[in-house]
Amino acid sequence: MNTNEAKNIGEIYIADEVVSAVAGLAALEVEGVKAVAGKPSENFNSKHAYKKVKVQVVGAFVYVDMSVDIKYGYSIPKVTRQIQEKVITALQNMIGLTCKEVNVRVVVAPDVV
């Protein structure tokens, strides 16, 4: 028996909600991120941020859209770049998907306005 031979023992399906959860939670790990949401008008609740992240999975590729509120005093370009890098790395390492786009919109959470 060849131990290097790959065996097909079944398919693995990962729900879009799982991809959203990984992306949203990865974004929340970036220093300076106050909250994550899918649209500026939606309720900002970091506990359920993953439900607000829009993902589109096409084969082994994923496209991510999210909105974030960044804490006062942080560099917006620096934080958004870190979000993109963190999300790309998390999706590749945890799920095995190649992230084609991570679109980040910076908005103000409704509770601060």
Protein backbone atom coordinates (compact mmCIF):
# COMPACT_ATOMS: atom_id res chain seq x y z
CA MET A 1 0.00 0.00 0.00
CA ASN A 2 1.38 3.38 -1.01
CA THR A 3 0.99 5.74 1.97
CA ASN A 4 1.63 8.78 -0.24
CA GLU A 5 -1.43 8.04 -2.34
CA ALA A 6 -4.30 10.45 -1.70
CA LYS A 7 -7.63 8.79 -1.03
CA ASN A 8 -10.93 10.34 -1.96
CA ILE A 9 -13.11 9.71 1.08
CA GLY A 10 -15.77 12.32 0.38
CA GLU A 11 -16.48 15.96 -0.28
CA ILE A 12 -16.13 18.89 2.09
CA TYR A 13 -18.51 21.81 1.79
CA ILE A 14 -17.92 25.05 3.68
CA ALA A 15 -20.91 27.36 4.07
CA ASP A 16 -20.58 31.01 3.06
CA GLU A 17 -21.42 31.90 6.66
CA VAL A 18 -18.22 30.18 7.78
CA VAL A 19 -16.19 32.18 5.25
CA SER A 20 -17.90 35.36 6.48
CA ALA A 21 -17.15 34.46 10.09
CA VAL A 22 -13.45 33.93 9.39
CA ALA A 23 -13.20 37.22 7.47
CA GLY A 24 -15.13 39.24 10.06
CA LEU A 25 -13.28 37.85 13.04
CA ALA A 26 -9.92 38.33 11.30
CA ALA A 27 -10.77 41.99 10.70
CA LEU A 28 -11.71 42.45 14.36
CA GLU A 29 -8.25 41.21 15.39
CA VAL A 30 -6.59 44.19 13.70
CA GLU A 31 -5.58 46.88 16.17
CA GLY A 32 -7.64 50.02 15.61
CA VAL A 33 -10.79 48.29 14.36
CA LYS A 34 -13.75 49.31 16.49
CA ALA A 35 -16.52 47.39 14.69
CA VAL A 36 -17.35 45.47 11.51
CA ALA A 37 -20.59 45.48 9.49
CA GLY A 38 -21.74 44.63 5.98
CA LYS A 39 -23.38 47.98 5.22
CA PRO A 40 -23.01 51.37 6.88
CA SER A 41 -26.71 51.39 7.77
CA GLU A 42 -26.61 48.05 9.62
CA ASN A 43 -26.25 47.67 13.35
CA PHE A 44 -22.61 47.48 14.42
CA ASN A 45 -22.26 44.59 16.84
CA SER A 46 -18.83 42.99 16.97
CA LYS A 47 -20.30 39.83 18.52
CA HIS A 48 -22.15 39.15 15.26
CA ALA A 49 -19.83 40.94 12.84
CA TYR A 50 -19.39 37.86 10.69
CA LYS A 51 -23.08 37.97 9.76
CA LYS A 52 -22.51 41.40 8.23
CA VAL A 53 -19.56 40.50 5.98
CA LYS A 54 -20.57 39.79 2.39
CA VAL A 55 -18.63 37.04 0.63
CA GLN A 56 -18.86 35.52 -2.80
CA VAL A 57 -17.13 32.17 -3.26
CA VAL A 58 -16.35 31.18 -6.84
CA GLY A 59 -14.55 27.83 -6.95
CA ALA A 60 -11.40 28.20 -4.85
CA PHE A 61 -11.59 32.00 -4.91
CA VAL A 62 -13.39 34.38 -2.59
CA TYR A 63 -14.38 38.05 -2.84
CA VAL A 64 -15.05 39.92 0.41
CA ASP A 65 -16.94 43.16 1.08
CA MET A 66 -17.09 44.68 4.54
CA SER A 67 -17.47 47.99 6.31
CA VAL A 68 -15.49 48.90 9.40
CA ASP A 69 -15.44 51.62 12.00
CA ILE A 70 -11.88 52.56 12.94
CA LYS A 71 -10.99 53.94 16.35
CA TYR A 72 -10.05 57.60 16.56
CA GLY A 73 -6.33 58.30 16.26
CA TYR A 74 -5.43 55.36 14.02
CA SER A 75 -4.15 55.68 10.45
CA ILE A 76 -7.02 54.69 8.17
CA PRO A 77 -4.81 53.61 5.24
CA LYS A 78 -2.59 51.53 7.55
CA VAL A 79 -5.48 49.84 9.39
CA THR A 80 -7.42 49.04 6.21
CA ARG A 81 -4.31 47.53 4.59
CA GLN A 82 -3.78 45.40 7.71
CA ILE A 83 -7.41 44.29 7.54
CA GLN A 84 -6.96 43.19 3.93
CA GLU A 85 -3.77 41.30 4.73
CA LYS A 86 -5.23 39.66 7.84
CA VAL A 87 -8.40 38.53 6.02
CA ILE A 88 -6.44 37.17 3.05
CA THR A 89 -4.10 35.20 5.33
CA ALA A 90 -6.91 33.85 7.53
CA LEU A 91 -9.00 32.64 4.58
CA GLN A 92 -5.99 30.95 2.98
CA ASN A 93 -4.74 29.30 6.17
CA MET A 94 -8.05 28.29 7.74
CA ILE A 95 -10.17 27.43 4.71
CA GLY A 96 -7.75 27.10 1.79
CA LEU A 97 -9.42 29.78 -0.31
CA THR A 98 -7.51 32.32 -2.36
CA CYS A 99 -8.88 35.78 -1.70
CA LYS A 100 -9.13 37.81 -4.91
CA GLU A 101 -10.50 40.99 -3.29
CA VAL A 102 -11.06 42.38 0.17
CA ASN A 103 -13.03 45.59 -0.24
CA VAL A 104 -13.05 47.64 2.96
CA ARG A 105 -15.31 50.65 3.47
CA VAL A 106 -14.61 52.94 6.41
CA VAL A 107 -17.78 54.21 8.07
CA VAL A 108 -18.88 55.62 11.40
CA ALA A 109 -20.86 53.36 13.70
CA PRO A 110 -24.37 54.73 14.34
CA ASP A 111 -23.80 54.91 18.11
CA VAL A 112 -21.05 57.52 17.63
CA VAL A 113 -22.95 59.89 15.35
